[in-house]
């Protein structure tokens, strides 16, 4: 068996996208963004949201035209050529594997802070097992985790607002433009969860209708939520307090009169990170499957389980890689590296959408142009360690492909 089964509805796709985005950003990305831009992280968030909208539009129209597993790896191959598709897939697999490690570490830091690394490894293995046994089980668990997350988040925000938490006003110099761009690049990590919807293109019902609906719905909900949370955290903790916090929402509750509710924020953050990890693992596995089908990754990874209809070998390899990463890396480094890889991925998505004829798209070509330029600018505005490590990994991937496709004597 080499094909996946179409089981997911529009609601399932929206839930998986929400679970990926809410877990990724709300509880891990605001602190490094505040360190880069201070209170101007709101501007960075707006920049990230605009570029995410451009990327979402490109991803949605491409997914409607090419409703199969792989996301931009597939679109790049079809519209730009095999090399650019390969680079997109390579960046997605590496970047999102780093994202998986970041989310596992986030969940463990909230839920079991005394032993974060072994806990993160155990959580990654457990959720990987859920993905292994079927995408419908992934969707059901994502619904449960998302419901718990939203309930905890609502309770947390009410506790901050009603508790009267407010940081002392202070005067700080305006941030440099590079700092705002860095914050936008880091916050883009939070929005990238809608890619999970496109990478599941082979498993949704009526993909030409479902995916173009699910992506903007999920992104629109998350954008509104992020602005509300960002404003709340800046008022409660101040830019400096937010930048220094490892658990911003919990610290915001503790700063007010309802500090007894801080454990709700802690549990909500941990569960949200688990939801993001679950969706991330599903997306990386499907892109790995698509690359293996085309010979860009080892062919055995293209196997689909005869009973569960999942890319089971790809899932096992990804789980092993995530477990290794959580044992040797830290959270902020993983976020920066992931952002670089995913921004390159979406730059290729926008370039692919630009090549579509007018009859196949519902937006002017200026939109993918803006998305492409924005992705490139944000990628190279990230901290230099993230840029250098990202460039090194892409160079390694290009050399690997060149070696595999070298002319035979």
Protein backbone atom coordinates (compact mmCIF):
# COMPACT_ATOMS: atom_id res chain seq x y z
CA UNK A 1 0.00 0.00 0.00
CA UNK A 2 1.48 3.40 -1.03
CA UNK A 3 -1.43 5.86 -0.68
CA UNK A 4 -2.93 7.44 2.42
CA UNK A 5 -6.69 7.48 3.07
CA UNK A 6 -8.95 10.54 2.93
CA UNK A 7 -10.55 10.66 6.38
CA UNK A 8 -10.29 14.26 7.67
CA UNK A 9 -13.09 16.84 7.48
CA UNK A 10 -12.75 20.63 7.34
CA UNK A 11 -13.29 20.78 11.11
CA UNK A 12 -10.55 18.18 11.64
CA UNK A 13 -8.12 20.18 9.48
CA UNK A 14 -8.91 23.44 11.32
CA UNK A 15 -8.41 21.75 14.70
CA UNK A 16 -5.03 20.31 13.68
CA UNK A 17 -3.93 23.74 12.42
CA UNK A 18 -5.13 25.49 15.58
CA UNK A 19 -3.43 22.93 17.80
CA UNK A 20 -0.15 23.46 15.94
CA UNK A 21 -0.25 27.26 16.03
CA UNK A 22 -1.64 27.82 19.52
CA UNK A 23 0.83 25.49 21.15
CA UNK A 24 3.78 26.75 19.18
CA UNK A 25 3.51 30.45 19.85
CA UNK A 26 1.49 31.40 22.88
CA UNK A 27 3.77 29.71 25.38
CA UNK A 28 7.24 29.87 23.84
CA UNK A 29 7.75 32.64 21.26
CA UNK A 30 6.78 35.87 23.04
CA UNK A 31 9.73 35.95 25.44
CA UNK A 32 12.51 35.84 22.80
CA UNK A 33 10.50 38.28 20.66
CA UNK A 34 10.33 40.73 23.59
CA UNK A 35 14.07 40.32 24.13
CA UNK A 36 14.62 41.39 20.52
CA UNK A 37 12.10 44.24 20.22
CA UNK A 38 10.69 45.14 23.63
CA UNK A 39 7.18 46.58 23.46
CA UNK A 40 7.54 46.86 19.69
CA UNK A 41 7.02 43.11 19.47
CA UNK A 42 3.42 44.13 18.66
CA UNK A 43 4.77 45.62 15.42
CA UNK A 44 6.79 42.46 14.84
CA UNK A 45 3.65 40.40 15.41
CA UNK A 46 1.78 42.46 12.80
CA UNK A 47 4.60 41.97 10.29
CA UNK A 48 4.64 38.22 10.96
CA UNK A 49 0.84 38.06 10.58
CA UNK A 50 0.91 39.86 7.21
CA UNK A 51 3.59 37.55 5.84
CA UNK A 52 1.77 34.55 7.27
CA UNK A 53 -1.38 35.65 5.43
CA UNK A 54 0.54 35.83 2.15
CA UNK A 55 2.02 32.40 2.79
CA UNK A 56 -1.34 30.97 3.78
CA UNK A 57 -2.93 32.24 0.57
CA UNK A 58 -0.15 30.69 -1.50
CA UNK A 59 -0.32 27.40 0.40
CA UNK A 60 -4.11 27.21 0.10
CA UNK A 61 -4.23 27.73 -3.67
CA UNK A 62 -1.36 25.31 -4.25
CA UNK A 63 -2.94 22.67 -2.01
CA UNK A 64 -6.16 22.94 -4.02
CA UNK A 65 -4.24 22.29 -7.24
CA UNK A 66 -2.02 19.51 -5.83
CA UNK A 67 -4.03 17.62 -3.17
CA UNK A 68 -1.39 15.11 -2.10
CA UNK A 69 1.02 14.65 0.83
CA UNK A 70 4.15 16.78 0.95
CA UNK A 71 3.08 20.44 1.04
CA UNK A 72 5.63 22.83 -0.51
CA UNK A 73 7.96 19.94 -1.31
CA UNK A 74 5.34 18.79 -3.82
CA UNK A 75 4.44 22.31 -5.01
CA UNK A 76 8.09 23.28 -5.56
CA UNK A 77 8.72 20.13 -7.59
CA UNK A 78 5.68 20.72 -9.77
CA UNK A 79 6.04 24.47 -10.31
CA UNK A 80 9.79 25.24 -10.01
CA UNK A 81 11.58 21.94 -10.53
CA UNK A 82 12.88 19.03 -8.45
CA UNK A 83 15.80 20.93 -6.88
CA UNK A 84 13.62 23.67 -5.36
CA UNK A 85 11.07 21.16 -4.17
CA UNK A 86 13.89 19.22 -2.55
CA UNK A 87 15.20 22.33 -0.75
CA UNK A 88 11.70 23.10 0.54
CA UNK A 89 11.24 19.56 1.82
CA UNK A 90 14.72 19.48 3.33
CA UNK A 91 14.10 22.77 5.14
CA UNK A 92 10.70 21.64 6.37
CA UNK A 93 11.88 18.29 7.70
CA UNK A 94 14.91 19.80 9.47
CA UNK A 95 13.11 22.90 10.71
CA UNK A 96 10.01 21.13 11.92
CA UNK A 97 11.99 18.35 13.56
CA UNK A 98 13.65 21.16 15.55
CA UNK A 99 10.16 22.54 16.25
CA UNK A 100 9.10 19.13 17.59
CA UNK A 101 12.05 19.22 19.97
CA UNK A 102 11.13 22.79 21.03
CA UNK A 103 7.54 21.81 21.77
CA UNK A 104 8.55 18.67 23.66
CA UNK A 105 10.95 20.74 25.78
CA UNK A 106 8.27 23.40 26.36
CA UNK A 107 5.73 20.84 27.51
CA UNK A 108 8.23 19.16 29.82
CA UNK A 109 9.44 22.47 31.28
CA UNK A 110 5.87 23.31 32.28
CA UNK A 111 4.62 19.89 33.37
CA UNK A 112 7.73 18.27 34.92
CA UNK A 113 10.32 21.04 35.44
CA UNK A 114 12.45 18.83 37.69
CA UNK A 115 13.37 16.51 34.79
CA UNK A 116 12.66 18.33 31.52
CA UNK A 117 14.85 16.42 29.07
CA UNK A 118 13.86 12.82 29.90
CA UNK A 119 10.24 13.93 30.17
CA UNK A 120 10.43 15.63 26.77
CA UNK A 121 11.83 12.46 25.23
CA UNK A 122 9.04 10.36 26.76
CA UNK A 123 6.34 12.79 25.58
CA UNK A 124 7.70 12.80 22.02
CA UNK A 125 7.74 9.00 21.94
CA UNK A 126 4.19 8.78 23.31
CA UNK A 127 2.64 11.22 20.86
CA UNK A 128 4.63 9.64 18.05
CA UNK A 129 2.94 6.36 18.92
CA UNK A 130 -0.47 8.04 18.57
CA UNK A 131 0.45 9.29 15.09
CA UNK A 132 1.70 5.83 14.21
CA UNK A 133 -1.68 4.18 14.73
CA UNK A 134 -3.78 6.45 12.51
CA UNK A 135 -4.53 10.03 11.50
CA UNK A 136 -8.08 9.87 12.88
CA UNK A 137 -6.63 9.15 16.33
CA UNK A 138 -4.32 12.12 15.84
CA UNK A 139 -7.33 14.33 15.03
CA UNK A 140 -9.34 13.07 18.03
CA UNK A 141 -6.49 13.64 20.47
CA UNK A 142 -5.84 17.06 18.92
CA UNK A 143 -9.47 18.01 19.63
CA UNK A 144 -9.12 17.01 23.29
CA UNK A 145 -5.82 18.84 23.76
CA UNK A 146 -7.14 21.94 22.00
CA UNK A 147 -10.28 22.03 24.17
CA UNK A 148 -8.20 21.81 27.36
CA UNK A 149 -5.79 24.46 26.05
CA UNK A 150 -8.52 26.96 25.16
CA UNK A 151 -10.29 26.46 28.48
CA UNK A 152 -7.04 26.98 30.40
CA UNK A 153 -6.13 29.99 28.26
CA UNK A 154 -9.51 31.64 28.85
CA UNK A 155 -9.16 31.08 32.58
CA UNK A 156 -5.60 32.43 32.53
CA UNK A 157 -6.47 35.61 30.65
CA UNK A 158 -9.43 36.28 32.96
CA UNK A 159 -7.15 35.78 35.96
CA UNK A 160 -4.68 38.33 34.58
CA UNK A 161 -7.36 40.86 33.67
CA UNK A 162 -9.40 40.51 36.87
CA UNK A 163 -6.31 40.20 39.06
CA UNK A 164 -5.14 43.64 38.02
CA UNK A 165 -1.58 42.66 37.14
CA UNK A 166 0.29 45.66 35.74
CA UNK A 167 4.02 46.24 35.33
CA UNK A 168 5.53 49.53 36.41
CA UNK A 169 5.78 52.01 33.56
CA UNK A 170 9.29 52.62 32.29
CA UNK A 171 10.89 54.59 29.50
CA UNK A 172 13.02 52.58 27.10
CA UNK A 173 14.73 53.61 23.87
CA UNK A 174 12.92 52.71 20.67
CA UNK A 175 14.06 49.38 19.27
CA UNK A 176 16.20 49.20 16.17
CA UNK A 177 14.44 48.07 12.96
CA UNK A 178 16.56 44.91 13.05
CA UNK A 179 15.15 44.09 16.48
CA UNK A 180 11.58 44.41 15.19
CA UNK A 181 12.42 42.17 12.23
CA UNK A 182 14.04 39.64 14.55
CA UNK A 183 10.92 39.58 16.69
CA UNK A 184 8.80 39.08 13.55
CA UNK A 185 11.00 36.19 12.48
CA UNK A 186 10.75 34.54 15.89
CA UNK A 187 6.98 35.09 16.07
CA UNK A 188 6.60 33.64 12.59
CA UNK A 189 7.53 30.35 14.25
CA UNK A 190 4.18 30.67 16.02
CA UNK A 191 2.10 31.07 12.87
CA UNK A 192 3.63 28.30 10.80
CA UNK A 193 1.22 25.64 12.08
CA UNK A 194 -1.16 26.10 9.15
CA UNK A 195 1.40 24.19 7.06
CA UNK A 196 0.19 21.07 8.83
CA UNK A 197 -3.14 21.43 7.00
CA UNK A 198 -1.46 21.55 3.58
CA UNK A 199 0.87 18.62 4.31
CA UNK A 200 -2.20 16.49 5.10
CA UNK A 201 -3.57 17.09 1.58
CA UNK A 202 -3.71 13.38 0.83
CA UNK A 203 -5.82 12.64 3.92
CA UNK A 204 -8.58 15.30 3.82
CA UNK A 205 -11.92 14.81 2.11
CA UNK A 206 -12.58 17.01 -0.92
CA UNK A 207 -9.17 18.73 -0.60
CA UNK A 208 -9.83 21.33 -3.32
CA UNK A 209 -12.59 22.75 -1.11
CA UNK A 210 -11.48 21.75 2.39
CA UNK A 211 -7.90 23.07 2.45
CA UNK A 212 -8.58 26.59 1.04
CA UNK A 213 -11.28 26.96 3.71
CA UNK A 214 -9.42 25.44 6.65
CA UNK A 215 -6.16 27.42 6.33
CA UNK A 216 -7.61 31.00 6.50
CA UNK A 217 -10.09 30.00 9.23
CA UNK A 218 -7.35 28.61 11.47
CA UNK A 219 -4.97 31.50 10.77
CA UNK A 220 -7.62 34.17 11.37
CA UNK A 221 -8.57 32.75 14.77
CA UNK A 222 -4.95 32.52 15.86
CA UNK A 223 -4.01 36.05 14.74
CA UNK A 224 -6.78 37.56 16.90
CA UNK A 225 -5.79 35.39 19.85
CA UNK A 226 -2.08 36.28 19.58
CA UNK A 227 -2.70 40.01 19.60
CA UNK A 228 -4.88 39.69 22.71
CA UNK A 229 -2.25 37.62 24.52
CA UNK A 230 0.65 39.86 23.46
CA UNK A 231 -1.09 42.99 24.74
CA UNK A 232 -2.00 41.23 28.00
CA UNK A 233 1.57 40.05 28.64
CA UNK A 234 3.08 43.47 27.91
CA UNK A 235 0.70 45.17 30.34
CA UNK A 236 1.13 42.56 33.07
CA UNK A 237 4.90 41.98 32.89
CA UNK A 238 6.31 44.85 30.89
CA UNK A 239 8.79 44.32 28.02
CA UNK A 240 11.74 43.52 30.31
CA UNK A 241 9.77 41.15 32.50
CA UNK A 242 8.35 39.37 29.48
CA UNK A 243 11.80 39.00 27.91
CA UNK A 244 13.18 37.44 31.10
CA UNK A 245 10.30 35.05 31.71
CA UNK A 246 10.46 31.33 30.93
CA UNK A 247 6.69 30.96 31.60
CA UNK A 248 5.11 34.32 30.65
CA UNK A 249 1.41 33.52 31.13
CA UNK A 250 1.97 31.83 34.48
CA UNK A 251 4.14 34.76 35.62
CA UNK A 252 1.45 37.21 34.49
CA UNK A 253 -1.11 35.43 36.69
CA UNK A 254 1.29 35.38 39.64
CA UNK A 255 1.79 39.13 39.29
CA UNK A 256 -1.90 39.83 40.00
CA UNK A 257 -4.39 39.29 42.76
CA UNK A 258 -5.51 35.84 41.54
CA UNK A 259 -2.10 34.19 41.74
CA UNK A 260 -3.77 31.00 43.02
CA UNK A 261 -4.77 30.28 39.40
CA UNK A 262 -1.17 30.16 38.16
CA UNK A 263 -1.23 26.31 38.03
CA UNK A 264 -4.02 26.55 35.45
CA UNK A 265 -1.71 28.53 33.18
CA UNK A 266 1.06 26.00 33.74
CA UNK A 267 -1.14 23.04 32.82
CA UNK A 268 -2.62 24.89 29.85
CA UNK A 269 0.84 25.71 28.52
CA UNK A 270 1.98 22.12 28.85
CA UNK A 271 -1.12 20.74 27.14
CA UNK A 272 -0.89 23.34 24.34
CA UNK A 273 2.69 22.36 23.65
CA UNK A 274 1.60 18.72 23.47
CA UNK A 275 -1.07 19.62 20.91
CA UNK A 276 1.50 21.44 18.82
CA UNK A 277 3.92 18.53 19.08
CA UNK A 278 1.24 16.09 17.96
CA UNK A 279 0.40 18.14 14.85
CA UNK A 280 4.07 18.77 14.05
CA UNK A 281 4.92 15.09 14.13
CA UNK A 282 2.07 14.38 11.71
CA UNK A 283 3.25 17.03 9.23
CA UNK A 284 6.93 16.04 9.27
CA UNK A 285 6.05 12.40 8.76
CA UNK A 286 3.96 13.16 5.67
CA UNK A 287 6.63 15.35 4.08
CA UNK A 288 9.24 12.67 4.74
CA UNK A 289 6.92 10.17 3.03
CA UNK A 290 6.56 12.42 -0.03
CA UNK A 291 10.33 12.95 -0.31
CA UNK A 292 11.00 9.23 -0.01
CA UNK A 293 8.50 8.52 -2.81
CA UNK A 294 10.54 10.73 -5.14
CA UNK A 295 13.91 9.29 -4.09
CA UNK A 296 15.03 12.43 -2.20
CA UNK A 297 15.09 10.43 1.04
CA UNK A 298 15.70 6.68 1.47
CA UNK A 299 12.99 4.69 -0.32
CA UNK A 300 12.03 2.52 2.70
CA UNK A 301 10.62 5.67 4.35
CA UNK A 302 7.85 5.71 1.71
CA UNK A 303 6.16 2.67 3.25
CA UNK A 304 2.53 3.06 4.39
CA UNK A 305 1.27 0.77 7.14
CA UNK A 306 -1.26 -1.72 5.70
CA UNK A 307 -3.56 -1.46 8.72
CA UNK A 308 -3.12 2.06 10.10
CA UNK A 309 -2.56 3.81 6.71
CA UNK A 310 0.24 5.92 8.17
CA UNK A 311 3.85 6.52 7.02
CA UNK A 312 5.02 4.31 9.87
CA UNK A 313 8.72 4.07 9.03
CA UNK A 314 8.98 7.82 8.52
CA UNK A 315 7.21 8.33 11.85
CA UNK A 316 9.70 6.08 13.66
CA UNK A 317 12.71 7.91 12.19
CA UNK A 318 11.27 11.32 13.09
CA UNK A 319 10.50 10.20 16.64
CA UNK A 320 14.07 8.95 17.07
CA UNK A 321 15.47 12.25 15.74
CA UNK A 322 13.27 14.33 18.07
CA UNK A 323 14.23 12.25 21.10
CA UNK A 324 17.91 12.76 20.25
CA UNK A 325 17.44 16.52 19.77
CA UNK A 326 15.67 17.09 23.09
CA UNK A 327 18.59 15.45 24.85
CA UNK A 328 21.23 17.72 23.26
CA UNK A 329 19.61 21.10 22.44
CA UNK A 330 17.91 24.04 24.18
CA UNK A 331 14.55 25.72 23.52
CA UNK A 332 15.57 29.10 22.13
CA UNK A 333 18.16 27.64 19.77
CA UNK A 334 15.56 25.23 18.43
CA UNK A 335 13.06 28.06 17.80
CA UNK A 336 15.56 30.17 15.83
CA UNK A 337 16.77 27.26 13.70
CA UNK A 338 13.19 26.16 13.04
CA UNK A 339 12.17 29.68 11.99
CA UNK A 340 14.97 29.89 9.41
CA UNK A 341 14.11 26.54 7.84
CA UNK A 342 10.39 27.28 7.69
CA UNK A 343 10.88 30.79 6.25
CA UNK A 344 12.90 29.30 3.39
CA UNK A 345 10.14 26.69 2.95
CA UNK A 346 7.48 29.39 2.59
CA UNK A 347 9.65 31.52 0.31
CA UNK A 348 9.60 28.57 -2.10
CA UNK A 349 5.83 28.21 -1.60
CA UNK A 350 5.31 31.84 -2.60
CA UNK A 351 7.58 31.47 -5.63
CA UNK A 352 5.58 28.38 -6.64
CA UNK A 353 2.26 30.23 -6.29
CA UNK A 354 3.62 33.11 -8.40
CA UNK A 355 3.93 30.74 -11.37
CA UNK A 356 0.26 29.68 -11.31
CA UNK A 357 -1.89 30.97 -14.18
CA UNK A 358 -4.58 33.52 -13.35
CA UNK A 359 -7.36 30.95 -13.70
CA UNK A 360 -5.92 28.85 -10.85
CA UNK A 361 -5.51 31.58 -8.22
CA UNK A 362 -7.87 34.08 -6.58
CA UNK A 363 -5.36 36.80 -5.65
CA UNK A 364 -3.00 39.16 -7.54
CA UNK A 365 0.60 38.10 -8.05
CA UNK A 366 1.70 40.92 -5.74
CA UNK A 367 0.64 38.78 -2.77
CA UNK A 368 3.13 35.92 -3.29
CA UNK A 369 5.80 38.51 -4.17
CA UNK A 370 5.23 40.23 -0.81
CA UNK A 371 5.28 36.86 0.93
CA UNK A 372 8.53 35.83 -0.78
CA UNK A 373 10.34 39.09 0.02
CA UNK A 374 9.05 39.03 3.59
CA UNK A 375 10.23 35.47 4.16
CA UNK A 376 13.72 36.21 2.86
CA UNK A 377 14.05 39.41 4.92
CA UNK A 378 12.85 37.75 8.14
CA UNK A 379 15.06 34.71 7.60
CA UNK A 380 18.21 36.80 7.42
CA UNK A 381 17.09 39.11 10.26
CA UNK A 382 17.12 36.20 12.73
CA UNK A 383 19.99 35.89 15.24
CA UNK A 384 23.23 35.14 13.41
CA UNK A 385 23.59 31.73 15.04
CA UNK A 386 20.23 30.66 13.58
CA UNK A 387 21.14 32.02 10.14
CA UNK A 388 24.55 30.32 10.03
CA UNK A 389 23.26 26.96 11.27
CA UNK A 390 20.36 27.15 8.81
CA UNK A 391 22.61 28.00 5.86
CA UNK A 392 24.97 25.17 6.82
CA UNK A 393 22.12 22.65 6.89
CA UNK A 394 20.78 23.80 3.51
CA UNK A 395 24.27 23.62 2.02
CA UNK A 396 24.63 20.11 3.39
CA UNK A 397 21.29 19.16 1.86
CA UNK A 398 22.24 20.63 -1.54
CA UNK A 399 25.56 18.77 -1.51
CA UNK A 400 23.78 15.54 -0.60
CA UNK A 401 21.42 15.89 -3.54
CA UNK A 402 24.23 16.83 -5.92
CA UNK A 403 26.14 13.73 -4.85
CA UNK A 404 23.12 11.47 -5.37
CA UNK A 405 22.48 12.93 -8.82
CA UNK A 406 26.10 13.15 -10.00
CA UNK A 407 26.69 11.96 -13.57
CA UNK A 408 27.73 8.32 -13.77
CA UNK A 409 30.99 7.54 -15.50
